[in-house]
Amino acid sequence: LFPYARDNVGRHLDATYGSAETQQDIK
């Protein structure tokens, strides 16, 4: 789980950057 999150954090943020959910995570 931890490596999956680490390896995919950039891809996830890039793909969902404009969503309300991701913006809340960024906040």
mmCIF file of all heavy atoms, coordinates in Angstrom:
data_MODEL
# 
_entry.id   MODEL 
# 
loop_
_atom_site.group_PDB 
_atom_site.id 
_atom_site.type_symbol 
_atom_site.label_atom_id 
_atom_site.label_alt_id 
_atom_site.label_comp_id 
_atom_site.label_asym_id 
_atom_site.label_entity_id 
_atom_site.label_seq_id 
_atom_site.pdbx_PDB_ins_code 
_atom_site.Cartn_x 
_atom_site.Cartn_y 
_atom_site.Cartn_z 
_atom_site.occupancy 
_atom_site.B_iso_or_equiv 
_atom_site.pdbx_formal_charge 
_atom_site.auth_seq_id 
_atom_site.auth_comp_id 
_atom_site.auth_asym_id 
_atom_site.auth_atom_id 
_atom_site.pdbx_PDB_model_num 
ATOM 1   N N   . LEU A 1 1  ? 0.813   -1.222 0.000   1.00 0.00 ? 1  LEU A N   1 
ATOM 2   C CA  . LEU A 1 1  ? 0.000   0.000  0.000   1.00 0.00 ? 1  LEU A CA  1 
ATOM 3   C C   . LEU A 1 1  ? 0.846   1.271  0.000   1.00 0.00 ? 1  LEU A C   1 
ATOM 4   O O   . LEU A 1 1  ? 0.611   2.180  -0.810  1.00 0.00 ? 1  LEU A O   1 
ATOM 5   C CB  . LEU A 1 1  ? -0.942  -0.001 1.206   1.00 0.00 ? 1  LEU A CB  1 
ATOM 6   C CG  . LEU A 1 1  ? -2.070  -1.034 1.181   1.00 0.00 ? 1  LEU A CG  1 
ATOM 7   C CD1 . LEU A 1 1  ? -2.963  -0.871 2.405   1.00 0.00 ? 1  LEU A CD1 1 
ATOM 8   C CD2 . LEU A 1 1  ? -2.902  -0.910 -0.094  1.00 0.00 ? 1  LEU A CD2 1 
ATOM 9   N N   . PHE A 1 2  ? 1.817   1.341  0.910   1.00 0.00 ? 2  PHE A N   1 
ATOM 10  C CA  . PHE A 1 2  ? 2.632   2.561  0.980   1.00 0.00 ? 2  PHE A CA  1 
ATOM 11  C C   . PHE A 1 2  ? 3.395   2.811  -0.319  1.00 0.00 ? 2  PHE A C   1 
ATOM 12  O O   . PHE A 1 2  ? 3.387   3.936  -0.843  1.00 0.00 ? 2  PHE A O   1 
ATOM 13  C CB  . PHE A 1 2  ? 3.601   2.486  2.166   1.00 0.00 ? 2  PHE A CB  1 
ATOM 14  C CG  . PHE A 1 2  ? 2.952   2.764  3.498   1.00 0.00 ? 2  PHE A CG  1 
ATOM 15  C CD1 . PHE A 1 2  ? 3.679   2.689  4.679   1.00 0.00 ? 2  PHE A CD1 1 
ATOM 16  C CD2 . PHE A 1 2  ? 1.613   3.103  3.588   1.00 0.00 ? 2  PHE A CD2 1 
ATOM 17  C CE1 . PHE A 1 2  ? 3.090   2.938  5.903   1.00 0.00 ? 2  PHE A CE1 1 
ATOM 18  C CE2 . PHE A 1 2  ? 1.000   3.359  4.810   1.00 0.00 ? 2  PHE A CE2 1 
ATOM 19  C CZ  . PHE A 1 2  ? 1.746   3.270  5.968   1.00 0.00 ? 2  PHE A CZ  1 
ATOM 20  N N   . PRO A 1 3  ? 4.069   1.798  -0.878  1.00 0.00 ? 3  PRO A N   1 
ATOM 21  C CA  . PRO A 1 3  ? 4.769   2.044  -2.152  1.00 0.00 ? 3  PRO A CA  1 
ATOM 22  C C   . PRO A 1 3  ? 3.807   2.440  -3.272  1.00 0.00 ? 3  PRO A C   1 
ATOM 23  O O   . PRO A 1 3  ? 4.158   3.276  -4.118  1.00 0.00 ? 3  PRO A O   1 
ATOM 24  C CB  . PRO A 1 3  ? 5.439   0.691  -2.439  1.00 0.00 ? 3  PRO A CB  1 
ATOM 25  C CG  . PRO A 1 3  ? 5.612   0.067  -1.103  1.00 0.00 ? 3  PRO A CG  1 
ATOM 26  C CD  . PRO A 1 3  ? 4.410   0.461  -0.329  1.00 0.00 ? 3  PRO A CD  1 
ATOM 27  N N   . TYR A 1 4  ? 2.625   1.846  -3.304  1.00 0.00 ? 4  TYR A N   1 
ATOM 28  C CA  . TYR A 1 4  ? 1.666   2.205  -4.353  1.00 0.00 ? 4  TYR A CA  1 
ATOM 29  C C   . TYR A 1 4  ? 1.293   3.683  -4.246  1.00 0.00 ? 4  TYR A C   1 
ATOM 30  O O   . TYR A 1 4  ? 1.234   4.394  -5.253  1.00 0.00 ? 4  TYR A O   1 
ATOM 31  C CB  . TYR A 1 4  ? 0.411   1.343  -4.249  1.00 0.00 ? 4  TYR A CB  1 
ATOM 32  C CG  . TYR A 1 4  ? -0.581  1.596  -5.366  1.00 0.00 ? 4  TYR A CG  1 
ATOM 33  C CD1 . TYR A 1 4  ? -0.524  0.883  -6.548  1.00 0.00 ? 4  TYR A CD1 1 
ATOM 34  C CD2 . TYR A 1 4  ? -1.558  2.584  -5.244  1.00 0.00 ? 4  TYR A CD2 1 
ATOM 35  C CE1 . TYR A 1 4  ? -1.418  1.119  -7.584  1.00 0.00 ? 4  TYR A CE1 1 
ATOM 36  C CE2 . TYR A 1 4  ? -2.456  2.840  -6.272  1.00 0.00 ? 4  TYR A CE2 1 
ATOM 37  C CZ  . TYR A 1 4  ? -2.385  2.110  -7.440  1.00 0.00 ? 4  TYR A CZ  1 
ATOM 38  O OH  . TYR A 1 4  ? -3.263  2.365  -8.461  1.00 0.00 ? 4  TYR A OH  1 
ATOM 39  N N   . ALA A 1 5  ? 1.025   4.126  -3.010  1.00 0.00 ? 5  ALA A N   1 
ATOM 40  C CA  . ALA A 1 5  ? 0.680   5.537  -2.821  1.00 0.00 ? 5  ALA A CA  1 
ATOM 41  C C   . ALA A 1 5  ? 1.849   6.439  -3.193  1.00 0.00 ? 5  ALA A C   1 
ATOM 42  O O   . ALA A 1 5  ? 1.677   7.460  -3.876  1.00 0.00 ? 5  ALA A O   1 
ATOM 43  C CB  . ALA A 1 5  ? 0.265   5.779  -1.373  1.00 0.00 ? 5  ALA A CB  1 
ATOM 44  N N   . ARG A 1 6  ? 3.059   6.058  -2.782  1.00 0.00 ? 6  ARG A N   1 
ATOM 45  C CA  . ARG A 1 6  ? 4.244   6.871  -3.076  1.00 0.00 ? 6  ARG A CA  1 
ATOM 46  C C   . ARG A 1 6  ? 4.497   6.954  -4.573  1.00 0.00 ? 6  ARG A C   1 
ATOM 47  O O   . ARG A 1 6  ? 4.771   8.023  -5.112  1.00 0.00 ? 6  ARG A O   1 
ATOM 48  C CB  . ARG A 1 6  ? 5.458   6.267  -2.367  1.00 0.00 ? 6  ARG A CB  1 
ATOM 49  C CG  . ARG A 1 6  ? 6.744   7.076  -2.538  1.00 0.00 ? 6  ARG A CG  1 
ATOM 50  C CD  . ARG A 1 6  ? 7.940   6.294  -2.043  1.00 0.00 ? 6  ARG A CD  1 
ATOM 51  N NE  . ARG A 1 6  ? 8.133   5.076  -2.835  1.00 0.00 ? 6  ARG A NE  1 
ATOM 52  C CZ  . ARG A 1 6  ? 8.254   3.861  -2.301  1.00 0.00 ? 6  ARG A CZ  1 
ATOM 53  N NH1 . ARG A 1 6  ? 8.191   3.686  -1.001  1.00 0.00 ? 6  ARG A NH1 1 
ATOM 54  N NH2 . ARG A 1 6  ? 8.442   2.804  -3.089  1.00 0.00 ? 6  ARG A NH2 1 
ATOM 55  N N   . ASP A 1 7  ? 4.375   5.837  -5.245  1.00 0.00 ? 7  ASP A N   1 
ATOM 56  C CA  . ASP A 1 7  ? 4.680   5.793  -6.680  1.00 0.00 ? 7  ASP A CA  1 
ATOM 57  C C   . ASP A 1 7  ? 3.611   6.462  -7.533  1.00 0.00 ? 7  ASP A C   1 
ATOM 58  O O   . ASP A 1 7  ? 3.869   6.823  -8.691  1.00 0.00 ? 7  ASP A O   1 
ATOM 59  C CB  . ASP A 1 7  ? 4.860   4.341  -7.132  1.00 0.00 ? 7  ASP A CB  1 
ATOM 60  C CG  . ASP A 1 7  ? 6.051   3.666  -6.461  1.00 0.00 ? 7  ASP A CG  1 
ATOM 61  O OD1 . ASP A 1 7  ? 6.908   4.389  -5.927  1.00 0.00 ? 7  ASP A OD1 1 
ATOM 62  O OD2 . ASP A 1 7  ? 6.095   2.419  -6.459  1.00 0.00 ? 7  ASP A OD2 1 
ATOM 63  N N   . ASN A 1 8  ? 2.421   6.609  -7.001  1.00 0.00 ? 8  ASN A N   1 
ATOM 64  C CA  . ASN A 1 8  ? 1.308   7.122  -7.812  1.00 0.00 ? 8  ASN A CA  1 
ATOM 65  C C   . ASN A 1 8  ? 0.803   8.483  -7.362  1.00 0.00 ? 8  ASN A C   1 
ATOM 66  O O   . ASN A 1 8  ? -0.178  8.978  -7.935  1.00 0.00 ? 8  ASN A O   1 
ATOM 67  C CB  . ASN A 1 8  ? 0.152   6.122  -7.805  1.00 0.00 ? 8  ASN A CB  1 
ATOM 68  C CG  . ASN A 1 8  ? 0.450   4.877  -8.611  1.00 0.00 ? 8  ASN A CG  1 
ATOM 69  O OD1 . ASN A 1 8  ? 0.313   4.858  -9.827  1.00 0.00 ? 8  ASN A OD1 1 
ATOM 70  N ND2 . ASN A 1 8  ? 0.882   3.825  -7.928  1.00 0.00 ? 8  ASN A ND2 1 
ATOM 71  N N   . VAL A 1 9  ? 1.433   9.084  -6.378  1.00 0.00 ? 9  VAL A N   1 
ATOM 72  C CA  . VAL A 1 9  ? 0.918   10.359 -5.873  1.00 0.00 ? 9  VAL A CA  1 
ATOM 73  C C   . VAL A 1 9  ? 0.954   11.437 -6.959  1.00 0.00 ? 9  VAL A C   1 
ATOM 74  O O   . VAL A 1 9  ? -0.006  12.205 -7.122  1.00 0.00 ? 9  VAL A O   1 
ATOM 75  C CB  . VAL A 1 9  ? 1.687   10.807 -4.607  1.00 0.00 ? 9  VAL A CB  1 
ATOM 76  C CG1 . VAL A 1 9  ? 3.170   11.009 -4.886  1.00 0.00 ? 9  VAL A CG1 1 
ATOM 77  C CG2 . VAL A 1 9  ? 1.081   12.081 -4.037  1.00 0.00 ? 9  VAL A CG2 1 
ATOM 78  N N   . GLY A 1 10 ? 2.043   11.493 -7.718  1.00 0.00 ? 10 GLY A N   1 
ATOM 79  C CA  . GLY A 1 10 ? 2.139   12.499 -8.774  1.00 0.00 ? 10 GLY A CA  1 
ATOM 80  C C   . GLY A 1 10 ? 1.097   12.285 -9.863  1.00 0.00 ? 10 GLY A C   1 
ATOM 81  O O   . GLY A 1 10 ? 0.437   13.231 -10.306 1.00 0.00 ? 10 GLY A O   1 
ATOM 82  N N   . ARG A 1 11 ? 0.939   11.039 -10.286 1.00 0.00 ? 11 ARG A N   1 
ATOM 83  C CA  . ARG A 1 11 ? -0.043  10.712 -11.321 1.00 0.00 ? 11 ARG A CA  1 
ATOM 84  C C   . ARG A 1 11 ? -1.466  11.026 -10.848 1.00 0.00 ? 11 ARG A C   1 
ATOM 85  O O   . ARG A 1 11 ? -2.277  11.581 -11.598 1.00 0.00 ? 11 ARG A O   1 
ATOM 86  C CB  . ARG A 1 11 ? 0.068   9.234  -11.690 1.00 0.00 ? 11 ARG A CB  1 
ATOM 87  C CG  . ARG A 1 11 ? -0.859  8.811  -12.832 1.00 0.00 ? 11 ARG A CG  1 
ATOM 88  C CD  . ARG A 1 11 ? -0.733  7.339  -13.159 1.00 0.00 ? 11 ARG A CD  1 
ATOM 89  N NE  . ARG A 1 11 ? -1.309  6.499  -12.110 1.00 0.00 ? 11 ARG A NE  1 
ATOM 90  C CZ  . ARG A 1 11 ? -1.481  5.188  -12.223 1.00 0.00 ? 11 ARG A CZ  1 
ATOM 91  N NH1 . ARG A 1 11 ? -1.074  4.554  -13.324 1.00 0.00 ? 11 ARG A NH1 1 
ATOM 92  N NH2 . ARG A 1 11 ? -2.010  4.484  -11.244 1.00 0.00 ? 11 ARG A NH2 1 
ATOM 93  N N   . HIS A 1 12 ? -1.743  10.684 -9.600  1.00 0.00 ? 12 HIS A N   1 
ATOM 94  C CA  . HIS A 1 12 ? -3.080  10.927 -9.039  1.00 0.00 ? 12 HIS A CA  1 
ATOM 95  C C   . HIS A 1 12 ? -3.379  12.423 -8.973  1.00 0.00 ? 12 HIS A C   1 
ATOM 96  O O   . HIS A 1 12 ? -4.452  12.873 -9.385  1.00 0.00 ? 12 HIS A O   1 
ATOM 97  C CB  . HIS A 1 12 ? -3.174  10.311 -7.645  1.00 0.00 ? 12 HIS A CB  1 
ATOM 98  C CG  . HIS A 1 12 ? -4.434  10.669 -6.908  1.00 0.00 ? 12 HIS A CG  1 
ATOM 99  N ND1 . HIS A 1 12 ? -5.632  10.029 -7.125  1.00 0.00 ? 12 HIS A ND1 1 
ATOM 100 C CD2 . HIS A 1 12 ? -4.678  11.627 -5.960  1.00 0.00 ? 12 HIS A CD2 1 
ATOM 101 C CE1 . HIS A 1 12 ? -6.561  10.558 -6.353  1.00 0.00 ? 12 HIS A CE1 1 
ATOM 102 N NE2 . HIS A 1 12 ? -6.009  11.527 -5.632  1.00 0.00 ? 12 HIS A NE2 1 
ATOM 103 N N   . LEU A 1 13 ? -2.433  13.216 -8.458  1.00 0.00 ? 13 LEU A N   1 
ATOM 104 C CA  . LEU A 1 13 ? -2.648  14.654 -8.329  1.00 0.00 ? 13 LEU A CA  1 
ATOM 105 C C   . LEU A 1 13 ? -2.805  15.313 -9.696  1.00 0.00 ? 13 LEU A C   1 
ATOM 106 O O   . LEU A 1 13 ? -3.642  16.209 -9.877  1.00 0.00 ? 13 LEU A O   1 
ATOM 107 C CB  . LEU A 1 13 ? -1.489  15.293 -7.564  1.00 0.00 ? 13 LEU A CB  1 
ATOM 108 C CG  . LEU A 1 13 ? -1.394  14.950 -6.071  1.00 0.00 ? 13 LEU A CG  1 
ATOM 109 C CD1 . LEU A 1 13 ? -0.088  15.493 -5.488  1.00 0.00 ? 13 LEU A CD1 1 
ATOM 110 C CD2 . LEU A 1 13 ? -2.586  15.504 -5.308  1.00 0.00 ? 13 LEU A CD2 1 
ATOM 111 N N   . ASP A 1 14 ? -2.028  14.857 -10.656 1.00 0.00 ? 14 ASP A N   1 
ATOM 112 C CA  . ASP A 1 14 ? -2.109  15.427 -12.003 1.00 0.00 ? 14 ASP A CA  1 
ATOM 113 C C   . ASP A 1 14 ? -3.459  15.129 -12.651 1.00 0.00 ? 14 ASP A C   1 
ATOM 114 O O   . ASP A 1 14 ? -4.072  15.998 -13.279 1.00 0.00 ? 14 ASP A O   1 
ATOM 115 C CB  . ASP A 1 14 ? -0.975  14.868 -12.869 1.00 0.00 ? 14 ASP A CB  1 
ATOM 116 C CG  . ASP A 1 14 ? -0.998  15.448 -14.286 1.00 0.00 ? 14 ASP A CG  1 
ATOM 117 O OD1 . ASP A 1 14 ? -0.929  16.686 -14.419 1.00 0.00 ? 14 ASP A OD1 1 
ATOM 118 O OD2 . ASP A 1 14 ? -1.104  14.659 -15.241 1.00 0.00 ? 14 ASP A OD2 1 
ATOM 119 N N   . ALA A 1 15 ? -3.950  13.893 -12.482 1.00 0.00 ? 15 ALA A N   1 
ATOM 120 C CA  . ALA A 1 15 ? -5.200  13.481 -13.135 1.00 0.00 ? 15 ALA A CA  1 
ATOM 121 C C   . ALA A 1 15 ? -6.428  14.080 -12.481 1.00 0.00 ? 15 ALA A C   1 
ATOM 122 O O   . ALA A 1 15 ? -7.453  14.286 -13.133 1.00 0.00 ? 15 ALA A O   1 
ATOM 123 C CB  . ALA A 1 15 ? -5.295  11.957 -13.139 1.00 0.00 ? 15 ALA A CB  1 
ATOM 124 N N   . THR A 1 16 ? -6.342  14.375 -11.182 1.00 0.00 ? 16 THR A N   1 
ATOM 125 C CA  . THR A 1 16 ? -7.541  14.819 -10.442 1.00 0.00 ? 16 THR A CA  1 
ATOM 126 C C   . THR A 1 16 ? -7.390  16.226 -9.879  1.00 0.00 ? 16 THR A C   1 
ATOM 127 O O   . THR A 1 16 ? -8.178  16.631 -9.024  1.00 0.00 ? 16 THR A O   1 
ATOM 128 C CB  . THR A 1 16 ? -7.832  13.842 -9.288  1.00 0.00 ? 16 THR A CB  1 
ATOM 129 O OG1 . THR A 1 16 ? -6.733  13.884 -8.352  1.00 0.00 ? 16 THR A OG1 1 
ATOM 130 C CG2 . THR A 1 16 ? -8.009  12.425 -9.801  1.00 0.00 ? 16 THR A CG2 1 
ATOM 131 N N   . TYR A 1 17 ? -6.405  16.963 -10.342 1.00 0.00 ? 17 TYR A N   1 
ATOM 132 C CA  . TYR A 1 17 ? -6.034  18.238 -9.719  1.00 0.00 ? 17 TYR A CA  1 
ATOM 133 C C   . TYR A 1 17 ? -7.218  19.193 -9.572  1.00 0.00 ? 17 TYR A C   1 
ATOM 134 O O   . TYR A 1 17 ? -7.353  19.881 -8.560  1.00 0.00 ? 17 TYR A O   1 
ATOM 135 C CB  . TYR A 1 17 ? -4.945  18.913 -10.551 1.00 0.00 ? 17 TYR A CB  1 
ATOM 136 C CG  . TYR A 1 17 ? -4.294  20.098 -9.862  1.00 0.00 ? 17 TYR A CG  1 
ATOM 137 C CD1 . TYR A 1 17 ? -3.317  19.908 -8.888  1.00 0.00 ? 17 TYR A CD1 1 
ATOM 138 C CD2 . TYR A 1 17 ? -4.649  21.404 -10.186 1.00 0.00 ? 17 TYR A CD2 1 
ATOM 139 C CE1 . TYR A 1 17 ? -2.704  20.974 -8.261  1.00 0.00 ? 17 TYR A CE1 1 
ATOM 140 C CE2 . TYR A 1 17 ? -4.051  22.483 -9.561  1.00 0.00 ? 17 TYR A CE2 1 
ATOM 141 C CZ  . TYR A 1 17 ? -3.079  22.270 -8.598  1.00 0.00 ? 17 TYR A CZ  1 
ATOM 142 O OH  . TYR A 1 17 ? -2.500  23.338 -7.976  1.00 0.00 ? 17 TYR A OH  1 
ATOM 143 N N   . GLY A 1 18 ? -8.094  19.236 -10.546 1.00 0.00 ? 18 GLY A N   1 
ATOM 144 C CA  . GLY A 1 18 ? -9.189  20.206 -10.507 1.00 0.00 ? 18 GLY A CA  1 
ATOM 145 C C   . GLY A 1 18 ? -10.396 19.756 -9.721  1.00 0.00 ? 18 GLY A C   1 
ATOM 146 O O   . GLY A 1 18 ? -11.345 20.545 -9.529  1.00 0.00 ? 18 GLY A O   1 
ATOM 147 N N   . SER A 1 19 ? -10.412 18.527 -9.208  1.00 0.00 ? 19 SER A N   1 
ATOM 148 C CA  . SER A 1 19 ? -11.577 18.025 -8.487  1.00 0.00 ? 19 SER A CA  1 
ATOM 149 C C   . SER A 1 19 ? -11.639 18.629 -7.080  1.00 0.00 ? 19 SER A C   1 
ATOM 150 O O   . SER A 1 19 ? -10.617 18.972 -6.483  1.00 0.00 ? 19 SER A O   1 
ATOM 151 C CB  . SER A 1 19 ? -11.541 16.504 -8.392  1.00 0.00 ? 19 SER A CB  1 
ATOM 152 O OG  . SER A 1 19 ? -10.500 16.083 -7.526  1.00 0.00 ? 19 SER A OG  1 
ATOM 153 N N   . ALA A 1 20 ? -12.853 18.737 -6.562  1.00 0.00 ? 20 ALA A N   1 
ATOM 154 C CA  . ALA A 1 20 ? -13.050 19.286 -5.212  1.00 0.00 ? 20 ALA A CA  1 
ATOM 155 C C   . ALA A 1 20 ? -12.385 18.399 -4.170  1.00 0.00 ? 20 ALA A C   1 
ATOM 156 O O   . ALA A 1 20 ? -11.825 18.896 -3.179  1.00 0.00 ? 20 ALA A O   1 
ATOM 157 C CB  . ALA A 1 20 ? -14.550 19.423 -4.925  1.00 0.00 ? 20 ALA A CB  1 
ATOM 158 N N   . GLU A 1 21 ? -12.426 17.086 -4.400  1.00 0.00 ? 21 GLU A N   1 
ATOM 159 C CA  . GLU A 1 21 ? -11.825 16.145 -3.458  1.00 0.00 ? 21 GLU A CA  1 
ATOM 160 C C   . GLU A 1 21 ? -10.321 16.356 -3.347  1.00 0.00 ? 21 GLU A C   1 
ATOM 161 O O   . GLU A 1 21 ? -9.768  16.445 -2.245  1.00 0.00 ? 21 GLU A O   1 
ATOM 162 C CB  . GLU A 1 21 ? -12.134 14.722 -3.915  1.00 0.00 ? 21 GLU A CB  1 
ATOM 163 C CG  . GLU A 1 21 ? -11.635 13.631 -2.999  1.00 0.00 ? 21 GLU A CG  1 
ATOM 164 C CD  . GLU A 1 21 ? -12.059 12.261 -3.510  1.00 0.00 ? 21 GLU A CD  1 
ATOM 165 O OE1 . GLU A 1 21 ? -11.395 11.733 -4.433  1.00 0.00 ? 21 GLU A OE1 1 
ATOM 166 O OE2 . GLU A 1 21 ? -13.061 11.730 -3.004  1.00 0.00 ? 21 GLU A OE2 1 
ATOM 167 N N   . THR A 1 22 ? -9.649  16.453 -4.489  1.00 0.00 ? 22 THR A N   1 
ATOM 168 C CA  . THR A 1 22 ? -8.198  16.643 -4.476  1.00 0.00 ? 22 THR A CA  1 
ATOM 169 C C   . THR A 1 22 ? -7.824  18.020 -3.954  1.00 0.00 ? 22 THR A C   1 
ATOM 170 O O   . THR A 1 22 ? -6.824  18.172 -3.229  1.00 0.00 ? 22 THR A O   1 
ATOM 171 C CB  . THR A 1 22 ? -7.622  16.425 -5.888  1.00 0.00 ? 22 THR A CB  1 
ATOM 172 O OG1 . THR A 1 22 ? -7.825  15.060 -6.261  1.00 0.00 ? 22 THR A OG1 1 
ATOM 173 C CG2 . THR A 1 22 ? -6.135  16.739 -5.933  1.00 0.00 ? 22 THR A CG2 1 
ATOM 174 N N   . GLN A 1 23 ? -8.601  19.022 -4.279  1.00 0.00 ? 23 GLN A N   1 
ATOM 175 C CA  . GLN A 1 23 ? -8.320  20.358 -3.749  1.00 0.00 ? 23 GLN A CA  1 
ATOM 176 C C   . GLN A 1 23 ? -8.428  20.378 -2.231  1.00 0.00 ? 23 GLN A C   1 
ATOM 177 O O   . GLN A 1 23 ? -7.667  21.075 -1.557  1.00 0.00 ? 23 GLN A O   1 
ATOM 178 C CB  . GLN A 1 23 ? -9.269  21.380 -4.378  1.00 0.00 ? 23 GLN A CB  1 
ATOM 179 C CG  . GLN A 1 23 ? -8.918  21.755 -5.815  1.00 0.00 ? 23 GLN A CG  1 
ATOM 180 C CD  . GLN A 1 23 ? -7.527  22.350 -5.929  1.00 0.00 ? 23 GLN A CD  1 
ATOM 181 O OE1 . GLN A 1 23 ? -7.178  23.292 -5.204  1.00 0.00 ? 23 GLN A OE1 1 
ATOM 182 N NE2 . GLN A 1 23 ? -6.713  21.812 -6.846  1.00 0.00 ? 23 GLN A NE2 1 
ATOM 183 N N   . GLN A 1 24 ? -9.367  19.599 -1.677  1.00 0.00 ? 24 GLN A N   1 
ATOM 184 C CA  . GLN A 1 24 ? -9.477  19.502 -0.229  1.00 0.00 ? 24 GLN A CA  1 
ATOM 185 C C   . GLN A 1 24 ? -8.265  18.786 0.348   1.00 0.00 ? 24 GLN A C   1 
ATOM 186 O O   . GLN A 1 24 ? -7.731  19.173 1.401   1.00 0.00 ? 24 GLN A O   1 
ATOM 187 C CB  . GLN A 1 24 ? -10.761 18.762 0.156   1.00 0.00 ? 24 GLN A CB  1 
ATOM 188 C CG  . GLN A 1 24 ? -10.957 18.555 1.654   1.00 0.00 ? 24 GLN A CG  1 
ATOM 189 C CD  . GLN A 1 24 ? -11.054 19.850 2.439   1.00 0.00 ? 24 GLN A CD  1 
ATOM 190 O OE1 . GLN A 1 24 ? -11.426 20.895 1.901   1.00 0.00 ? 24 GLN A OE1 1 
ATOM 191 N NE2 . GLN A 1 24 ? -10.718 19.800 3.722   1.00 0.00 ? 24 GLN A NE2 1 
ATOM 192 N N   . ASP A 1 25 ? -7.798  17.739 -0.346  1.00 0.00 ? 25 ASP A N   1 
ATOM 193 C CA  . ASP A 1 25 ? -6.583  17.047 0.100   1.00 0.00 ? 25 ASP A CA  1 
ATOM 194 C C   . ASP A 1 25 ? -5.384  17.996 0.095   1.00 0.00 ? 25 ASP A C   1 
ATOM 195 O O   . ASP A 1 25 ? -4.561  17.987 1.022   1.00 0.00 ? 25 ASP A O   1 
ATOM 196 C CB  . ASP A 1 25 ? -6.285  15.854 -0.820  1.00 0.00 ? 25 ASP A CB  1 
ATOM 197 C CG  . ASP A 1 25 ? -7.265  14.706 -0.620  1.00 0.00 ? 25 ASP A CG  1 
ATOM 198 O OD1 . ASP A 1 25 ? -7.930  14.682 0.434   1.00 0.00 ? 25 ASP A OD1 1 
ATOM 199 O OD2 . ASP A 1 25 ? -7.355  13.850 -1.515  1.00 0.00 ? 25 ASP A OD2 1 
ATOM 200 N N   . ILE A 1 26 ? -5.275  18.807 -0.958  1.00 0.00 ? 26 ILE A N   1 
ATOM 201 C CA  . ILE A 1 26 ? -4.165  19.757 -1.063  1.00 0.00 ? 26 ILE A CA  1 
ATOM 202 C C   . ILE A 1 26 ? -4.255  20.797 0.058   1.00 0.00 ? 26 ILE A C   1 
ATOM 203 O O   . ILE A 1 26 ? -3.237  21.182 0.651   1.00 0.00 ? 26 ILE A O   1 
ATOM 204 C CB  . ILE A 1 26 ? -4.166  20.435 -2.449  1.00 0.00 ? 26 ILE A CB  1 
ATOM 205 C CG1 . ILE A 1 26 ? -3.827  19.410 -3.533  1.00 0.00 ? 26 ILE A CG1 1 
ATOM 206 C CG2 . ILE A 1 26 ? -3.178  21.596 -2.487  1.00 0.00 ? 26 ILE A CG2 1 
ATOM 207 C CD1 . ILE A 1 26 ? -3.951  19.947 -4.957  1.00 0.00 ? 26 ILE A CD1 1 
ATOM 208 N N   . LYS A 1 27 ? -5.464  21.229 0.361   1.00 0.00 ? 27 LYS A N   1 
ATOM 209 C CA  . LYS A 1 27 ? -5.651  22.204 1.443   1.00 0.00 ? 27 LYS A CA  1 
ATOM 210 C C   . LYS A 1 27 ? -5.158  21.635 2.770   1.00 0.00 ? 27 LYS A C   1 
ATOM 211 O O   . LYS A 1 27 ? -4.469  22.321 3.548   1.00 0.00 ? 27 LYS A O   1 
ATOM 212 C CB  . LYS A 1 27 ? -7.130  22.580 1.536   1.00 0.00 ? 27 LYS A CB  1 
ATOM 213 C CG  . LYS A 1 27 ? -7.448  23.600 2.622   1.00 0.00 ? 27 LYS A CG  1 
ATOM 214 C CD  . LYS A 1 27 ? -8.941  23.925 2.636   1.00 0.00 ? 27 LYS A CD  1 
ATOM 215 C CE  . LYS A 1 27 ? -9.273  24.910 3.761   1.00 0.00 ? 27 LYS A CE  1 
ATOM 216 N NZ  . LYS A 1 27 ? -10.733 25.219 3.791   1.00 0.00 ? 27 LYS A NZ  1 
# 
